[in-house]
Amino acid sequence: MISKTLTAASTKPIILGILKQGSSYGYLIIKKIKELSGGKMQYSDGMLYPVLHKMEKDGWIESSWSLKNETRPRKYYEITTLGKEALHQEQSQWAQVNSVLNQIWEPKTEIQ
């Protein structure tokens, strides 16, 4: 299981990455994260929806209600141009963090 702290820190780039692939609704986002992480990341409604609302307020995503296949109405989210820019920044920052961790965890052996 991935720690709640690390899960929380990675929430925005994960959601933006999923929405870059196409619009989705809350439950499906939670299901996709669980699937991609092999069940090691657990999101709940109480964790996801406040982040979605904040991202919508910040202009990173937009939402609309939709009724598909005669099911109950669902609120679908999609990434905006501003959200794509935010995702690019997040990707850059996570790549830098990953680079530092790789240097620490896999130091190059010195030839003597």
PDB file of N, CA and C in Angstrom:
ATOM      1  N   MET A   1       0.833  -1.172   0.000  1.00  0.00           N
ATOM      2  CA  MET A   1       0.000   0.000   0.000  1.00  0.00           C
ATOM      3  C   MET A   1       0.887   1.248   0.000  1.00  0.00           C
ATOM      4  N   ILE A   2       0.547   2.210  -0.798  1.00  0.00           N
ATOM      5  CA  ILE A   2       1.289   3.471  -0.851  1.00  0.00           C
ATOM      6  C   ILE A   2       0.753   4.377   0.246  1.00  0.00           C
ATOM      7  N   SER A   3       1.649   5.077   0.934  1.00  0.00           N
ATOM      8  CA  SER A   3       1.247   5.913   2.069  1.00  0.00           C
ATOM      9  C   SER A   3       0.240   6.979   1.655  1.00  0.00           C
ATOM     10  N   LYS A   4      -0.581   7.381   2.625  1.00  0.00           N
ATOM     11  CA  LYS A   4      -1.580   8.416   2.364  1.00  0.00           C
ATOM     12  C   LYS A   4      -0.915   9.731   1.974  1.00  0.00           C
ATOM     13  N   THR A   5       0.234  10.015   2.552  1.00  0.00           N
ATOM     14  CA  THR A   5       0.940  11.263   2.255  1.00  0.00           C
ATOM     15  C   THR A   5       1.384  11.305   0.794  1.00  0.00           C
ATOM     16  N   LEU A   6       1.980  10.227   0.336  1.00  0.00           N
ATOM     17  CA  LEU A   6       2.438  10.172  -1.057  1.00  0.00           C
ATOM     18  C   LEU A   6       1.247  10.121  -2.019  1.00  0.00           C
ATOM     19  N   THR A   7       0.223   9.396  -1.642  1.00  0.00           N
ATOM     20  CA  THR A   7      -0.992   9.343  -2.447  1.00  0.00           C
ATOM     21  C   THR A   7      -1.585  10.739  -2.594  1.00  0.00           C
ATOM     22  N   ALA A   8      -1.690  11.464  -1.488  1.00  0.00           N
ATOM     23  CA  ALA A   8      -2.251  12.820  -1.519  1.00  0.00           C
ATOM     24  C   ALA A   8      -1.395  13.754  -2.368  1.00  0.00           C
ATOM     25  N   ALA A   9      -0.073  13.633  -2.247  1.00  0.00           N
ATOM     26  CA  ALA A   9       0.835  14.512  -2.997  1.00  0.00           C
ATOM     27  C   ALA A   9       0.725  14.289  -4.502  1.00  0.00           C
ATOM     28  N   SER A  10       0.366  13.089  -4.893  1.00  0.00           N
ATOM     29  CA  SER A  10       0.315  12.775  -6.324  1.00  0.00           C
ATOM     30  C   SER A  10      -1.091  12.875  -6.919  1.00  0.00           C
ATOM     31  N   THR A  11      -2.055  13.283  -6.138  1.00  0.00           N
ATOM     32  CA  THR A  11      -3.446  13.309  -6.587  1.00  0.00           C
ATOM     33  C   THR A  11      -3.666  14.200  -7.805  1.00  0.00           C
ATOM     34  N   LYS A  12      -3.203  15.432  -7.762  1.00  0.00           N
ATOM     35  CA  LYS A  12      -3.467  16.362  -8.867  1.00  0.00           C
ATOM     36  C   LYS A  12      -2.872  15.879 -10.187  1.00  0.00           C
ATOM     37  N   PRO A  13      -1.585  15.507 -10.230  1.00  0.00           N
ATOM     38  CA  PRO A  13      -1.069  15.063 -11.531  1.00  0.00           C
ATOM     39  C   PRO A  13      -1.723  13.776 -12.023  1.00  0.00           C
ATOM     40  N   ILE A  14      -2.113  12.908 -11.105  1.00  0.00           N
ATOM     41  CA  ILE A  14      -2.776  11.672 -11.524  1.00  0.00           C
ATOM     42  C   ILE A  14      -4.140  11.983 -12.126  1.00  0.00           C
ATOM     43  N   ILE A  15      -4.928  12.816 -11.452  1.00  0.00           N
ATOM     44  CA  ILE A  15      -6.248  13.178 -11.969  1.00  0.00           C
ATOM     45  C   ILE A  15      -6.116  13.893 -13.315  1.00  0.00           C
ATOM     46  N   LEU A  16      -5.210  14.855 -13.399  1.00  0.00           N
ATOM     47  CA  LEU A  16      -5.026  15.573 -14.657  1.00  0.00           C
ATOM     48  C   LEU A  16      -4.594  14.627 -15.773  1.00  0.00           C
ATOM     49  N   GLY A  17      -3.719  13.694 -15.458  1.00  0.00           N
ATOM     50  CA  GLY A  17      -3.274  12.717 -16.454  1.00  0.00           C
ATOM     51  C   GLY A  17      -4.408  11.842 -16.950  1.00  0.00           C
ATOM     52  N   ILE A  18      -5.272  11.414 -16.035  1.00  0.00           N
ATOM     53  CA  ILE A  18      -6.427  10.599 -16.420  1.00  0.00           C
ATOM     54  C   ILE A  18      -7.377  11.418 -17.295  1.00  0.00           C
ATOM     55  N   LEU A  19      -7.630  12.660 -16.893  1.00  0.00           N
ATOM     56  CA  LEU A  19      -8.558  13.499 -17.656  1.00  0.00           C
ATOM     57  C   LEU A  19      -7.981  13.934 -19.000  1.00  0.00           C
ATOM     58  N   LYS A  20      -6.661  13.944 -19.125  1.00  0.00           N
ATOM     59  CA  LYS A  20      -6.054  14.259 -20.422  1.00  0.00           C
ATOM     60  C   LYS A  20      -6.397  13.169 -21.444  1.00  0.00           C
ATOM     61  N   GLN A  21      -6.664  11.961 -20.942  1.00  0.00           N
ATOM     62  CA  GLN A  21      -7.032  10.848 -21.812  1.00  0.00           C
ATOM     63  C   GLN A  21      -8.500  10.920 -22.247  1.00  0.00           C
ATOM     64  N   GLY A  22      -9.293  11.730 -21.541  1.00  0.00           N
ATOM     65  CA  GLY A  22     -10.704  11.879 -21.887  1.00  0.00           C
ATOM     66  C   GLY A  22     -11.531  12.194 -20.651  1.00  0.00           C
ATOM     67  N   SER A  23     -12.737  12.696 -20.862  1.00  0.00           N
ATOM     68  CA  SER A  23     -13.584  13.074 -19.727  1.00  0.00           C
ATOM     69  C   SER A  23     -13.946  11.835 -18.903  1.00  0.00           C
ATOM     70  N   SER A  24     -14.224  12.074 -17.622  1.00  0.00           N
ATOM     71  CA  SER A  24     -14.545  10.971 -16.715  1.00  0.00           C
ATOM     72  C   SER A  24     -15.330  11.510 -15.534  1.00  0.00           C
ATOM     73  N   TYR A  25     -15.903  10.623 -14.770  1.00  0.00           N
ATOM     74  CA  TYR A  25     -16.628  11.004 -13.566  1.00  0.00           C
ATOM     75  C   TYR A  25     -15.924  10.402 -12.346  1.00  0.00           C
ATOM     76  N   GLY A  26     -16.270  10.889 -11.167  1.00  0.00           N
ATOM     77  CA  GLY A  26     -15.544  10.563  -9.943  1.00  0.00           C
ATOM     78  C   GLY A  26     -15.290   9.094  -9.695  1.00  0.00           C
ATOM     79  N   TYR A  27     -16.347   8.290  -9.706  1.00  0.00           N
ATOM     80  CA  TYR A  27     -16.180   6.866  -9.418  1.00  0.00           C
ATOM     81  C   TYR A  27     -15.239   6.211 -10.406  1.00  0.00           C
ATOM     82  N   LEU A  28     -15.348   6.577 -11.672  1.00  0.00           N
ATOM     83  CA  LEU A  28     -14.486   5.986 -12.700  1.00  0.00           C
ATOM     84  C   LEU A  28     -13.029   6.412 -12.511  1.00  0.00           C
ATOM     85  N   ILE A  29     -12.808   7.647 -12.050  1.00  0.00           N
ATOM     86  CA  ILE A  29     -11.445   8.106 -11.752  1.00  0.00           C
ATOM     87  C   ILE A  29     -10.857   7.269 -10.621  1.00  0.00           C
ATOM     88  N   ILE A  30     -11.631   7.059  -9.559  1.00  0.00           N
ATOM     89  CA  ILE A  30     -11.179   6.238  -8.426  1.00  0.00           C
ATOM     90  C   ILE A  30     -10.844   4.824  -8.898  1.00  0.00           C
ATOM     91  N   LYS A  31     -11.722   4.261  -9.715  1.00  0.00           N
ATOM     92  CA  LYS A  31     -11.521   2.907 -10.236  1.00  0.00           C
ATOM     93  C   LYS A  31     -10.259   2.826 -11.101  1.00  0.00           C
ATOM     94  N   LYS A  32     -10.040   3.843 -11.934  1.00  0.00           N
ATOM     95  CA  LYS A  32      -8.867   3.866 -12.825  1.00  0.00           C
ATOM     96  C   LYS A  32      -7.571   3.943 -12.016  1.00  0.00           C
ATOM     97  N   ILE A  33      -7.555   4.775 -10.968  1.00  0.00           N
ATOM     98  CA  ILE A  33      -6.362   4.899 -10.126  1.00  0.00           C
ATOM     99  C   ILE A  33      -6.058   3.567  -9.447  1.00  0.00           C
ATOM    100  N   LYS A  34      -7.092   2.926  -8.937  1.00  0.00           N
ATOM    101  CA  LYS A  34      -6.907   1.624  -8.291  1.00  0.00           C
ATOM    102  C   LYS A  34      -6.352   0.609  -9.282  1.00  0.00           C
ATOM    103  N   GLU A  35      -6.900   0.610 -10.486  1.00  0.00           N
ATOM    104  CA  GLU A  35      -6.455  -0.309 -11.531  1.00  0.00           C
ATOM    105  C   GLU A  35      -5.000  -0.040 -11.923  1.00  0.00           C
ATOM    106  N   LEU A  36      -4.660   1.226 -12.175  1.00  0.00           N
ATOM    107  CA  LEU A  36      -3.298   1.584 -12.592  1.00  0.00           C
ATOM    108  C   LEU A  36      -2.254   1.282 -11.522  1.00  0.00           C
ATOM    109  N   SER A  37      -2.660   1.402 -10.256  1.00  0.00           N
ATOM    110  CA  SER A  37      -1.713   1.177  -9.153  1.00  0.00           C
ATOM    111  C   SER A  37      -1.711  -0.259  -8.658  1.00  0.00           C
ATOM    112  N   GLY A  38      -2.475  -1.107  -9.306  1.00  0.00           N
ATOM    113  CA  GLY A  38      -2.554  -2.491  -8.845  1.00  0.00           C
ATOM    114  C   GLY A  38      -3.165  -2.581  -7.457  1.00  0.00           C
ATOM    115  N   GLY A  39      -4.038  -1.644  -7.140  1.00  0.00           N
ATOM    116  CA  GLY A  39      -4.709  -1.637  -5.845  1.00  0.00           C
ATOM    117  C   GLY A  39      -3.901  -1.027  -4.717  1.00  0.00           C
ATOM    118  N   LYS A  40      -2.739  -0.470  -5.023  1.00  0.00           N
ATOM    119  CA  LYS A  40      -1.857   0.073  -3.977  1.00  0.00           C
ATOM    120  C   LYS A  40      -2.190   1.514  -3.605  1.00  0.00           C
ATOM    121  N   MET A  41      -3.009   2.176  -4.413  1.00  0.00           N
ATOM    122  CA  MET A  41      -3.450   3.536  -4.086  1.00  0.00           C
ATOM    123  C   MET A  41      -4.953   3.487  -3.880  1.00  0.00           C
ATOM    124  N   GLN A  42      -5.372   3.911  -2.703  1.00  0.00           N
ATOM    125  CA  GLN A  42      -6.787   3.875  -2.355  1.00  0.00           C
ATOM    126  C   GLN A  42      -7.329   5.293  -2.230  1.00  0.00           C
ATOM    127  N   TYR A  43      -8.257   5.642  -3.077  1.00  0.00           N
ATOM    128  CA  TYR A  43      -8.925   6.938  -3.006  1.00  0.00           C
ATOM    129  C   TYR A  43     -10.354   6.703  -2.552  1.00  0.00           C
ATOM    130  N   SER A  44     -10.864   7.644  -1.796  1.00  0.00           N
ATOM    131  CA  SER A  44     -12.263   7.602  -1.391  1.00  0.00           C
ATOM    132  C   SER A  44     -12.953   8.833  -1.967  1.00  0.00           C
ATOM    133  N   ASP A  45     -14.287   8.821  -1.924  1.00  0.00           N
ATOM    134  CA  ASP A  45     -15.041   9.990  -2.369  1.00  0.00           C
ATOM    135  C   ASP A  45     -14.610  11.226  -1.596  1.00  0.00           C
ATOM    136  N   GLY A  46     -14.435  11.057  -0.293  1.00  0.00           N
ATOM    137  CA  GLY A  46     -14.072  12.168   0.575  1.00  0.00           C
ATOM    138  C   GLY A  46     -12.696  12.740   0.280  1.00  0.00           C
ATOM    139  N   MET A  47     -11.851  11.961  -0.355  1.00  0.00           N
ATOM    140  CA  MET A  47     -10.523  12.432  -0.721  1.00  0.00           C
ATOM    141  C   MET A  47     -10.532  13.044  -2.129  1.00  0.00           C
ATOM    142  N   LEU A  48     -11.280  12.433  -3.035  1.00  0.00           N
ATOM    143  CA  LEU A  48     -11.258  12.842  -4.436  1.00  0.00           C
ATOM    144  C   LEU A  48     -12.052  14.117  -4.712  1.00  0.00           C
ATOM    145  N   TYR A  49     -13.282  14.171  -4.242  1.00  0.00           N
ATOM    146  CA  TYR A  49     -14.157  15.279  -4.637  1.00  0.00           C
ATOM    147  C   TYR A  49     -13.683  16.660  -4.184  1.00  0.00           C
ATOM    148  N   PRO A  50     -13.122  16.818  -2.997  1.00  0.00           N
ATOM    149  CA  PRO A  50     -12.582  18.151  -2.662  1.00  0.00           C
ATOM    150  C   PRO A  50     -11.469  18.587  -3.618  1.00  0.00           C
ATOM    151  N   VAL A  51     -10.658  17.644  -4.067  1.00  0.00           N
ATOM    152  CA  VAL A  51      -9.582  17.967  -5.014  1.00  0.00           C
ATOM    153  C   VAL A  51     -10.188  18.347  -6.366  1.00  0.00           C
ATOM    154  N   LEU A  52     -11.178  17.599  -6.818  1.00  0.00           N
ATOM    155  CA  LEU A  52     -11.844  17.938  -8.078  1.00  0.00           C
ATOM    156  C   LEU A  52     -12.464  19.333  -8.003  1.00  0.00           C
ATOM    157  N   HIS A  53     -13.121  19.643  -6.895  1.00  0.00           N
ATOM    158  CA  HIS A  53     -13.742  20.965  -6.745  1.00  0.00           C
ATOM    159  C   HIS A  53     -12.694  22.075  -6.746  1.00  0.00           C
ATOM    160  N   LYS A  54     -11.570  21.845  -6.082  1.00  0.00           N
ATOM    161  CA  LYS A  54     -10.489  22.844  -6.048  1.00  0.00           C
ATOM    162  C   LYS A  54      -9.900  23.033  -7.442  1.00  0.00           C
ATOM    163  N   MET A  55      -9.694  21.939  -8.158  1.00  0.00           N
ATOM    164  CA  MET A  55      -9.142  22.018  -9.505  1.00  0.00           C
ATOM    165  C   MET A  55     -10.110  22.735 -10.442  1.00  0.00           C
ATOM    166  N   GLU A  56     -11.402  22.532 -10.234  1.00  0.00           N
ATOM    167  CA  GLU A  56     -12.395  23.232 -11.055  1.00  0.00           C
ATOM    168  C   GLU A  56     -12.385  24.725 -10.734  1.00  0.00           C
ATOM    169  N   LYS A  57     -12.299  25.050  -9.455  1.00  0.00           N
ATOM    170  CA  LYS A  57     -12.234  26.455  -9.025  1.00  0.00           C
ATOM    171  C   LYS A  57     -11.001  27.141  -9.611  1.00  0.00           C
ATOM    172  N   ASP A  58      -9.886  26.403  -9.701  1.00  0.00           N
ATOM    173  CA  ASP A  58      -8.632  26.950 -10.240  1.00  0.00           C
ATOM    174  C   ASP A  58      -8.621  27.008 -11.770  1.00  0.00           C
ATOM    175  N   GLY A  59      -9.661  26.454 -12.401  1.00  0.00           N
ATOM    176  CA  GLY A  59      -9.751  26.499 -13.854  1.00  0.00           C
ATOM    177  C   GLY A  59      -9.004  25.385 -14.565  1.00  0.00           C
ATOM    178  N   TRP A  60      -8.561  24.375 -13.821  1.00  0.00           N
ATOM    179  CA  TRP A  60      -7.811  23.267 -14.419  1.00  0.00           C
ATOM    180  C   TRP A  60      -8.720  22.249 -15.078  1.00  0.00           C
ATOM    181  N   ILE A  61      -9.952  22.145 -14.575  1.00  0.00           N
ATOM    182  CA  ILE A  61     -10.918  21.214 -15.135  1.00  0.00           C
ATOM    183  C   ILE A  61     -12.278  21.903 -15.223  1.00  0.00           C
ATOM    184  N   GLU A  62     -13.147  21.338 -16.036  1.00  0.00           N
ATOM    185  CA  GLU A  62     -14.523  21.796 -16.142  1.00  0.00           C
ATOM    186  C   GLU A  62     -15.423  20.589 -15.931  1.00  0.00           C
ATOM    187  N   SER A  63     -16.648  20.853 -15.486  1.00  0.00           N
ATOM    188  CA  SER A  63     -17.574  19.749 -15.274  1.00  0.00           C
ATOM    189  C   SER A  63     -18.900  20.019 -15.957  1.00  0.00           C
ATOM    190  N   SER A  64     -19.597  18.942 -16.248  1.00  0.00           N
ATOM    191  CA  SER A  64     -20.945  19.039 -16.794  1.00  0.00           C
ATOM    192  C   SER A  64     -21.698  17.766 -16.417  1.00  0.00           C
ATOM    193  N   TRP A  65     -22.994  17.922 -16.243  1.00  0.00           N
ATOM    194  CA  TRP A  65     -23.848  16.776 -15.910  1.00  0.00           C
ATOM    195  C   TRP A  65     -24.269  16.087 -17.197  1.00  0.00           C
ATOM    196  N   SER A  66     -24.309  14.755 -17.141  1.00  0.00           N
ATOM    197  CA  SER A  66     -24.674  13.989 -18.320  1.00  0.00           C
ATOM    198  C   SER A  66     -25.477  12.760 -17.916  1.00  0.00           C
ATOM    199  N   LEU A  67     -26.424  12.416 -18.761  1.00  0.00           N
ATOM    200  CA  LEU A  67     -27.223  11.206 -18.583  1.00  0.00           C
ATOM    201  C   LEU A  67     -26.908  10.297 -19.761  1.00  0.00           C
ATOM    202  N   LYS A  68     -26.231   9.184 -19.491  1.00  0.00           N
ATOM    203  CA  LYS A  68     -25.850   8.266 -20.560  1.00  0.00           C
ATOM    204  C   LYS A  68     -26.448   6.895 -20.290  1.00  0.00           C
ATOM    205  N   ASN A  69     -26.915   6.248 -21.324  1.00  0.00           N
ATOM    206  CA  ASN A  69     -27.464   4.891 -21.247  1.00  0.00           C
ATOM    207  C   ASN A  69     -28.537   4.742 -20.182  1.00  0.00           C
ATOM    208  N   GLU A  70     -29.354   5.743 -20.030  1.00  0.00           N
ATOM    209  CA  GLU A  70     -30.469   5.727 -19.087  1.00  0.00           C
ATOM    210  C   GLU A  70     -30.047   5.396 -17.651  1.00  0.00           C
ATOM    211  N   THR A  71     -28.865   5.823 -17.265  1.00  0.00           N
ATOM    212  CA  THR A  71     -28.430   5.684 -15.877  1.00  0.00           C
ATOM    213  C   THR A  71     -28.708   7.005 -15.168  1.00  0.00           C
ATOM    214  N   ARG A  72     -28.394   7.058 -13.909  1.00  0.00           N
ATOM    215  CA  ARG A  72     -28.598   8.314 -13.190  1.00  0.00           C
ATOM    216  C   ARG A  72     -27.614   9.356 -13.709  1.00  0.00           C
ATOM    217  N   PRO A  73     -27.940  10.640 -13.567  1.00  0.00           N
ATOM    218  CA  PRO A  73     -27.023  11.688 -14.053  1.00  0.00           C
ATOM    219  C   PRO A  73     -25.667  11.609 -13.350  1.00  0.00           C
ATOM    220  N   ARG A  74     -24.619  11.828 -14.108  1.00  0.00           N
ATOM    221  CA  ARG A  74     -23.262  11.831 -13.561  1.00  0.00           C
ATOM    222  C   ARG A  74     -22.584  13.135 -13.930  1.00  0.00           C
ATOM    223  N   LYS A  75     -21.735  13.584 -13.024  1.00  0.00           N
ATOM    224  CA  LYS A  75     -20.968  14.797 -13.270  1.00  0.00           C
ATOM    225  C   LYS A  75     -19.639  14.392 -13.905  1.00  0.00           C
ATOM    226  N   TYR A  76     -19.465  14.762 -15.155  1.00  0.00           N
ATOM    227  CA  TYR A  76     -18.242  14.443 -15.890  1.00  0.00           C
ATOM    228  C   TYR A  76     -17.274  15.621 -15.801  1.00  0.00           C
ATOM    229  N   TYR A  77     -15.999  15.283 -15.706  1.00  0.00           N
ATOM    230  CA  TYR A  77     -14.942  16.279 -15.625  1.00  0.00           C
ATOM    231  C   TYR A  77     -14.056  16.141 -16.852  1.00  0.00           C
ATOM    232  N   GLU A  78     -13.564  17.285 -17.323  1.00  0.00           N
ATOM    233  CA  GLU A  78     -12.581  17.253 -18.406  1.00  0.00           C
ATOM    234  C   GLU A  78     -11.530  18.325 -18.162  1.00  0.00           C
ATOM    235  N   ILE A  79     -10.346  18.062 -18.673  1.00  0.00           N
ATOM    236  CA  ILE A  79      -9.209  18.960 -18.462  1.00  0.00           C
ATOM    237  C   ILE A  79      -9.345  20.179 -19.393  1.00  0.00           C
ATOM    238  N   THR A  80      -8.916  21.336 -18.907  1.00  0.00           N
ATOM    239  CA  THR A  80      -8.927  22.565 -19.695  1.00  0.00           C
ATOM    240  C   THR A  80      -7.511  22.842 -20.212  1.00  0.00           C
ATOM    241  N   THR A  81      -7.381  23.875 -21.014  1.00  0.00           N
ATOM    242  CA  THR A  81      -6.061  24.290 -21.490  1.00  0.00           C
ATOM    243  C   THR A  81      -5.170  24.650 -20.305  1.00  0.00           C
ATOM    244  N   LEU A  82      -5.732  25.361 -19.334  1.00  0.00           N
ATOM    245  CA  LEU A  82      -4.982  25.712 -18.127  1.00  0.00           C
ATOM    246  C   LEU A  82      -4.575  24.454 -17.359  1.00  0.00           C
ATOM    247  N   GLY A  83      -5.446  23.461 -17.340  1.00  0.00           N
ATOM    248  CA  GLY A  83      -5.139  22.195 -16.676  1.00  0.00           C
ATOM    249  C   GLY A  83      -4.015  21.446 -17.377  1.00  0.00           C
ATOM    250  N   LYS A  84      -3.987  21.522 -18.703  1.00  0.00           N
ATOM    251  CA  LYS A  84      -2.907  20.870 -19.454  1.00  0.00           C
ATOM    252  C   LYS A  84      -1.572  21.541 -19.148  1.00  0.00           C
ATOM    253  N   GLU A  85      -1.593  22.863 -18.980  1.00  0.00           N
ATOM    254  CA  GLU A  85      -0.365  23.580 -18.597  1.00  0.00           C
ATOM    255  C   GLU A  85       0.059  23.173 -17.185  1.00  0.00           C
ATOM    256  N   ALA A  86      -0.899  23.063 -16.284  1.00  0.00           N
ATOM    257  CA  ALA A  86      -0.594  22.635 -14.909  1.00  0.00           C
ATOM    258  C   ALA A  86      -0.037  21.220 -14.904  1.00  0.00           C
ATOM    259  N   LEU A  87      -0.605  20.338 -15.729  1.00  0.00           N
ATOM    260  CA  LEU A  87      -0.108  18.964 -15.823  1.00  0.00           C
ATOM    261  C   LEU A  87       1.330  18.956 -16.308  1.00  0.00           C
ATOM    262  N   HIS A  88       1.643  19.774 -17.301  1.00  0.00           N
ATOM    263  CA  HIS A  88       3.015  19.853 -17.810  1.00  0.00           C
ATOM    264  C   HIS A  88       3.985  20.271 -16.692  1.00  0.00           C
ATOM    265  N   GLN A  89       3.584  21.248 -15.885  1.00  0.00           N
ATOM    266  CA  GLN A  89       4.413  21.687 -14.752  1.00  0.00           C
ATOM    267  C   GLN A  89       4.566  20.575 -13.723  1.00  0.00           C
ATOM    268  N   GLU A  90       3.470  19.884 -13.428  1.00  0.00           N
ATOM    269  CA  GLU A  90       3.518  18.769 -12.480  1.00  0.00           C
ATOM    270  C   GLU A  90       4.454  17.672 -12.994  1.00  0.00           C
ATOM    271  N   GLN A  91       4.348  17.355 -14.281  1.00  0.00           N
ATOM    272  CA  GLN A  91       5.211  16.322 -14.863  1.00  0.00           C
ATOM    273  C   GLN A  91       6.676  16.695 -14.719  1.00  0.00           C
ATOM    274  N   SER A  92       6.992  17.947 -14.968  1.00  0.00           N
ATOM    275  CA  SER A  92       8.364  18.426 -14.856  1.00  0.00           C
ATOM    276  C   SER A  92       8.874  18.300 -13.419  1.00  0.00           C
ATOM    277  N   GLN A  93       8.050  18.703 -12.476  1.00  0.00           N
ATOM    278  CA  GLN A  93       8.454  18.635 -11.066  1.00  0.00           C
ATOM    279  C   GLN A  93       8.629  17.190 -10.602  1.00  0.00           C
ATOM    280  N   TRP A  94       7.690  16.310 -10.981  1.00  0.00           N
ATOM    281  CA  TRP A  94       7.810  14.908 -10.585  1.00  0.00           C
ATOM    282  C   TRP A  94       9.019  14.244 -11.242  1.00  0.00           C
ATOM    283  N   ALA A  95       9.340  14.631 -12.463  1.00  0.00           N
ATOM    284  CA  ALA A  95      10.532  14.095 -13.132  1.00  0.00           C
ATOM    285  C   ALA A  95      11.796  14.504 -12.384  1.00  0.00           C
ATOM    286  N   GLN A  96      11.821  15.739 -11.886  1.00  0.00           N
ATOM    287  CA  GLN A  96      12.975  16.201 -11.109  1.00  0.00           C
ATOM    288  C   GLN A  96      13.102  15.430  -9.800  1.00  0.00           C
ATOM    289  N   VAL A  97      11.980  15.228  -9.124  1.00  0.00           N
ATOM    290  CA  VAL A  97      11.999  14.456  -7.877  1.00  0.00           C
ATOM    291  C   VAL A  97      12.463  13.031  -8.157  1.00  0.00           C
ATOM    292  N   ASN A  98      11.934  12.428  -9.221  1.00  0.00           N
ATOM    293  CA  ASN A  98      12.318  11.072  -9.588  1.00  0.00           C
ATOM    294  C   ASN A  98      13.813  10.984  -9.893  1.00  0.00           C
ATOM    295  N   SER A  99      14.346  11.994 -10.556  1.00  0.00           N
ATOM    296  CA  SER A  99      15.767  12.023 -10.882  1.00  0.00           C
ATOM    297  C   SER A  99      16.627  12.043  -9.617  1.00  0.00           C
ATOM    298  N   VAL A 100      16.236  12.862  -8.658  1.00  0.00           N
ATOM    299  CA  VAL A 100      16.984  12.936  -7.398  1.00  0.00           C
ATOM    300  C   VAL A 100      16.922  11.597  -6.668  1.00  0.00           C
ATOM    301  N   LEU A 101      15.729  11.014  -6.586  1.00  0.00           N
ATOM    302  CA  LEU A 101      15.586   9.721  -5.912  1.00  0.00           C
ATOM    303  C   LEU A 101      16.419   8.643  -6.594  1.00  0.00           C
ATOM    304  N   ASN A 102      16.401   8.625  -7.924  1.00  0.00           N
ATOM    305  CA  ASN A 102      17.198   7.628  -8.647  1.00  0.00           C
ATOM    306  C   ASN A 102      18.690   7.799  -8.374  1.00  0.00           C
ATOM    307  N   GLN A 103      19.161   9.032  -8.275  1.00  0.00           N
ATOM    308  CA  GLN A 103      20.574   9.269  -7.989  1.00  0.00           C
ATOM    309  C   GLN A 103      20.942   8.796  -6.581  1.00  0.00           C
ATOM    310  N   ILE A 104      20.007   8.937  -5.661  1.00  0.00           N
ATOM    311  CA  ILE A 104      20.267   8.512  -4.283  1.00  0.00           C
ATOM    312  C   ILE A 104      20.174   6.998  -4.156  1.00  0.00           C
ATOM    313  N   TRP A 105      19.158   6.415  -4.751  1.00  0.00           N
ATOM    314  CA  TRP A 105      18.902   4.992  -4.603  1.00  0.00           C
ATOM    315  C   TRP A 105      19.764   4.119  -5.507  1.00  0.00           C
ATOM    316  N   GLU A 106      20.198   4.653  -6.622  1.00  0.00           N
ATOM    317  CA  GLU A 106      20.993   3.890  -7.565  1.00  0.00           C
ATOM    318  C   GLU A 106      22.263   4.656  -7.918  1.00  0.00           C
ATOM    319  N   PRO A 107      23.099   4.885  -6.904  1.00  0.00           N
ATOM    320  CA  PRO A 107      24.312   5.654  -7.185  1.00  0.00           C
ATOM    321  C   PRO A 107      25.223   4.917  -8.167  1.00  0.00           C
ATOM    322  N   LYS A 108      25.883   5.684  -9.008  1.00  0.00           N
ATOM    323  CA  LYS A 108      26.826   5.098  -9.969  1.00  0.00           C
ATOM    324  C   LYS A 108      28.046   4.632  -9.196  1.00  0.00           C
ATOM    325  N   THR A 109      28.511   3.454  -9.534  1.00  0.00           N
ATOM    326  CA  THR A 109      29.705   2.935  -8.880  1.00  0.00           C
ATOM    327  C   THR A 109      30.933   3.610  -9.473  1.00  0.00           C
ATOM    328  N   GLU A 110      31.845   3.930  -8.610  1.00  0.00           N
ATOM    329  CA  GLU A 110      33.070   4.584  -9.051  1.00  0.00           C
ATOM    330  C   GLU A 110      34.113   3.545  -9.412  1.00  0.00           C
ATOM    331  N   ILE A 111      34.788   3.768 -10.520  1.00  0.00           N
ATOM    332  CA  ILE A 111      35.860   2.868 -10.958  1.00  0.00           C
ATOM    333  C   ILE A 111      37.163   3.385 -10.361  1.00  0.00           C
ATOM    334  N   GLN A 112      37.866   2.501  -9.714  1.00  0.00           N
ATOM    335  CA  GLN A 112      39.129   2.903  -9.058  1.00  0.00           C
ATOM    336  C   GLN A 112      40.314   2.364  -9.790  1.00  0.00           C
TER     337      GLN A 112
END
